[in-house]
């Protein structure tokens, strides 16, 4: 009996479900620049939270990868992965960095 309970407990702990909350995409330019991608996440208990600044961190990190350039063709994805009582909220942002000619 204890063996079955332990097995059930392990299955519940390792089990997860991913839900896609939103997707957004801007127009992809004809002349693409250097691809850039970042992600940021936040862990919450019972899906209660008082802050959403993890999404701001993703934007700041993307800007750091394209200093002096223009980011275009932006694709964003917000997803939530749920485990028993804990949730991982994640923002994934990718795009293209178009630097002015003569810069690397």
Protein backbone atom coordinates (compact mmCIF):
# COMPACT_ATOMS: atom_id res chain seq x y z
CA UNK A 1 0.00 0.00 0.00
CA UNK A 2 2.79 2.43 0.88
CA UNK A 3 4.56 1.53 -2.34
CA UNK A 4 1.47 2.46 -4.38
CA UNK A 5 1.10 5.72 -2.46
CA UNK A 6 4.76 6.61 -3.06
CA UNK A 7 4.43 5.83 -6.76
CA UNK A 8 1.28 7.98 -7.03
CA UNK A 9 3.01 10.82 -5.17
CA UNK A 10 6.03 10.71 -7.52
CA UNK A 11 3.77 10.71 -10.59
CA UNK A 12 1.85 13.73 -9.28
CA UNK A 13 5.05 15.64 -8.48
CA UNK A 14 6.63 15.00 -11.89
CA UNK A 15 3.43 15.62 -13.83
CA UNK A 16 3.07 19.01 -15.53
CA UNK A 17 0.76 20.72 -17.96
CA UNK A 18 1.64 23.62 -20.26
CA UNK A 19 -0.95 26.18 -21.26
CA UNK A 20 -0.37 28.81 -23.92
CA UNK A 21 -1.83 32.10 -22.68
CA UNK A 22 -1.09 34.41 -25.60
CA UNK A 23 0.98 34.81 -28.76
CA UNK A 24 1.78 38.03 -30.57
CA UNK A 25 3.74 38.68 -33.74
CA UNK A 26 4.71 41.81 -35.62
CA UNK A 27 5.51 41.96 -39.32
CA UNK A 28 8.78 40.21 -40.21
CA UNK A 29 11.01 42.49 -42.33
CA UNK A 30 12.27 41.46 -45.75
CA UNK A 31 15.89 42.17 -44.79
CA UNK A 32 16.22 40.41 -41.47
CA UNK A 33 18.97 41.35 -39.08
CA UNK A 34 20.68 39.22 -36.45
CA UNK A 35 18.21 36.95 -34.60
CA UNK A 36 17.81 37.70 -30.88
CA UNK A 37 15.84 35.74 -28.29
CA UNK A 38 15.26 35.95 -24.53
CA UNK A 39 12.99 34.41 -21.97
CA UNK A 40 12.05 35.28 -18.42
CA UNK A 41 10.02 33.34 -15.90
CA UNK A 42 8.48 33.55 -12.47
CA UNK A 43 7.44 30.82 -10.04
CA UNK A 44 4.17 31.22 -8.11
CA UNK A 45 2.38 29.12 -5.50
CA UNK A 46 -1.31 28.30 -6.09
CA UNK A 47 -1.21 30.79 -9.00
CA UNK A 48 -1.34 33.79 -6.62
CA UNK A 49 1.03 36.63 -7.47
CA UNK A 50 1.42 40.32 -6.77
CA UNK A 51 3.98 41.18 -9.42
CA UNK A 52 4.50 40.84 -13.16
CA UNK A 53 7.94 42.40 -13.54
CA UNK A 54 9.39 39.22 -15.04
CA UNK A 55 7.90 40.33 -18.37
CA UNK A 56 9.72 43.67 -18.09
CA UNK A 57 12.99 41.79 -17.54
CA UNK A 58 12.46 39.98 -20.86
CA UNK A 59 12.08 43.29 -22.71
CA UNK A 60 15.16 44.77 -21.01
CA UNK A 61 17.24 41.69 -21.85
CA UNK A 62 16.13 41.86 -25.49
CA UNK A 63 17.15 45.53 -25.70
CA UNK A 64 20.58 44.64 -24.26
CA UNK A 65 21.14 42.26 -27.17
CA UNK A 66 20.51 45.00 -29.74
CA UNK A 67 22.20 48.13 -28.38
CA UNK A 68 22.15 50.88 -31.01
CA UNK A 69 19.93 48.90 -33.35
CA UNK A 70 16.26 48.45 -34.15
CA UNK A 71 14.36 45.32 -33.14
CA UNK A 72 11.73 44.14 -35.62
CA UNK A 73 9.78 40.98 -36.40
CA UNK A 74 9.01 40.53 -32.71
CA UNK A 75 7.34 37.27 -31.67
CA UNK A 76 6.15 36.95 -28.07
CA UNK A 77 4.73 33.94 -26.28
CA UNK A 78 3.29 33.84 -22.76
CA UNK A 79 2.84 30.38 -21.33
CA UNK A 80 2.14 28.79 -17.97
CA UNK A 81 3.42 25.41 -16.84
CA UNK A 82 1.55 23.96 -13.88
CA UNK A 83 2.87 21.38 -11.45
CA UNK A 84 0.67 20.14 -8.62
CA UNK A 85 0.53 23.41 -6.58
CA UNK A 86 3.30 25.44 -8.25
CA UNK A 87 3.10 27.36 -11.51
CA UNK A 88 5.85 28.64 -13.80
CA UNK A 89 4.82 31.71 -15.80
CA UNK A 90 7.13 32.34 -18.74
CA UNK A 91 7.51 34.98 -21.43
CA UNK A 92 9.57 34.12 -24.54
CA UNK A 93 10.47 36.96 -26.90
CA UNK A 94 12.36 36.71 -30.19
CA UNK A 95 13.00 39.10 -33.03
CA UNK A 96 15.62 40.51 -35.38
CA UNK A 97 18.19 43.17 -34.53
CA UNK A 98 18.87 45.51 -37.42
CA UNK A 99 22.08 47.44 -36.67
CA UNK A 100 23.04 50.54 -38.67
CA UNK A 101 25.49 49.87 -41.51
CA UNK A 102 29.12 49.87 -40.40
CA UNK A 103 28.43 48.48 -36.89
CA UNK A 104 28.79 44.92 -35.69
